[in-house]
Amino acid sequence: MARVRDHFEFVYTSKHGSWLNMAEIELNVMIGQYLNRRVGCPAEVETTVSAGQTYRNNFEAKIAEPFTTWQSTHQTYVYYIRH
């Protein structure tokens, strides 16, 4: 078990820190989809981001977690213990 533990670095994450991760994901989506080109002026940025935000809100876009806790634990076991 020590061999597995040595591969991880444990970092404190606050109880309510997940909102920051979601905000970062949303910003990256905005940058990738709506601001992936040269923008001429601040007003154009505001218009583009506002249109993108309206679209995503109307579409009810969600952030999907790729793994459940069980899946993550299971994959860790399969990768480190079985190999």
Protein backbone atom coordinates (compact mmCIF):
# COMPACT_ATOMS: atom_id res chain seq x y z
CA MET A 1 0.00 0.00 0.00
CA ALA A 2 2.91 2.35 0.63
CA ARG A 3 3.91 1.98 -3.03
CA VAL A 4 0.52 3.35 -4.11
CA ARG A 5 0.54 6.12 -1.53
CA ASP A 6 3.94 7.33 -2.72
CA HIS A 7 2.51 8.14 -6.16
CA PHE A 8 0.06 10.73 -4.83
CA GLU A 9 0.50 14.24 -3.59
CA PHE A 10 -2.27 15.24 -1.22
CA VAL A 11 -3.29 18.88 -1.45
CA TYR A 12 -5.83 20.61 0.77
CA THR A 13 -8.98 21.65 -1.08
CA SER A 14 -11.57 23.65 0.75
CA LYS A 15 -15.01 22.17 1.26
CA HIS A 16 -16.63 24.66 -1.12
CA GLY A 17 -13.77 24.91 -3.64
CA SER A 18 -15.51 23.02 -6.44
CA TRP A 19 -17.29 26.19 -7.62
CA LEU A 20 -13.88 27.58 -8.56
CA ASN A 21 -13.17 24.53 -10.74
CA MET A 22 -16.54 24.96 -12.47
CA ALA A 23 -15.85 28.66 -13.05
CA GLU A 24 -12.48 27.81 -14.59
CA ILE A 25 -14.10 25.23 -16.88
CA GLU A 26 -16.72 27.74 -18.01
CA LEU A 27 -14.07 30.38 -18.71
CA ASN A 28 -12.09 27.89 -20.78
CA VAL A 29 -15.23 27.01 -22.75
CA MET A 30 -15.89 30.69 -23.44
CA ILE A 31 -12.31 31.27 -24.54
CA GLY A 32 -12.27 28.19 -26.74
CA GLN A 33 -15.64 28.70 -28.40
CA TYR A 34 -16.15 32.44 -28.54
CA LEU A 35 -12.81 34.18 -28.05
CA ASN A 36 -10.57 31.94 -30.18
CA ARG A 37 -9.88 34.75 -32.62
CA ARG A 38 -8.53 38.27 -32.57
CA VAL A 39 -11.02 40.69 -31.06
CA GLY A 40 -10.94 44.33 -32.13
CA CYS A 41 -12.30 46.20 -29.13
CA PRO A 42 -13.67 45.67 -25.61
CA ALA A 43 -17.24 46.20 -26.83
CA GLU A 44 -16.84 43.29 -29.25
CA VAL A 45 -15.61 41.07 -26.41
CA GLU A 46 -18.64 42.04 -24.32
CA THR A 47 -21.05 41.35 -27.19
CA THR A 48 -19.44 38.02 -28.06
CA VAL A 49 -19.28 36.76 -24.48
CA SER A 50 -22.83 37.93 -23.78
CA ALA A 51 -24.14 36.07 -26.83
CA GLY A 52 -22.21 32.94 -25.84
CA GLN A 53 -23.44 33.15 -22.27
CA THR A 54 -27.04 33.52 -23.42
CA TYR A 55 -26.67 30.54 -25.74
CA ARG A 56 -25.15 28.32 -23.03
CA ASN A 57 -27.80 29.39 -20.50
CA ASN A 58 -30.64 28.66 -22.94
CA PHE A 59 -29.01 25.35 -23.85
CA GLU A 60 -28.72 24.61 -20.11
CA ALA A 61 -25.15 23.41 -20.55
CA LYS A 62 -23.90 21.28 -17.68
CA ILE A 63 -20.45 20.31 -16.47
CA ALA A 64 -20.26 16.53 -16.30
CA GLU A 65 -17.95 14.85 -13.83
CA PRO A 66 -16.01 12.16 -15.70
CA PHE A 67 -15.82 9.74 -12.76
CA THR A 68 -17.75 8.92 -9.65
CA THR A 69 -15.76 8.38 -6.47
CA TRP A 70 -16.19 4.61 -6.81
CA GLN A 71 -14.97 4.60 -10.43
CA SER A 72 -11.94 6.65 -9.50
CA THR A 73 -11.05 4.35 -6.60
CA HIS A 74 -11.58 1.27 -8.75
CA GLN A 75 -9.41 2.61 -11.58
CA THR A 76 -6.65 3.46 -9.10
CA TYR A 77 -6.81 -0.08 -7.72
CA VAL A 78 -6.74 -1.64 -11.18
CA TYR A 79 -3.83 0.52 -12.34
CA TYR A 80 -1.56 0.38 -9.29
CA ILE A 81 -2.39 -2.85 -7.51
CA ARG A 82 -2.87 -5.23 -10.43
CA HIS A 83 0.14 -4.03 -12.42
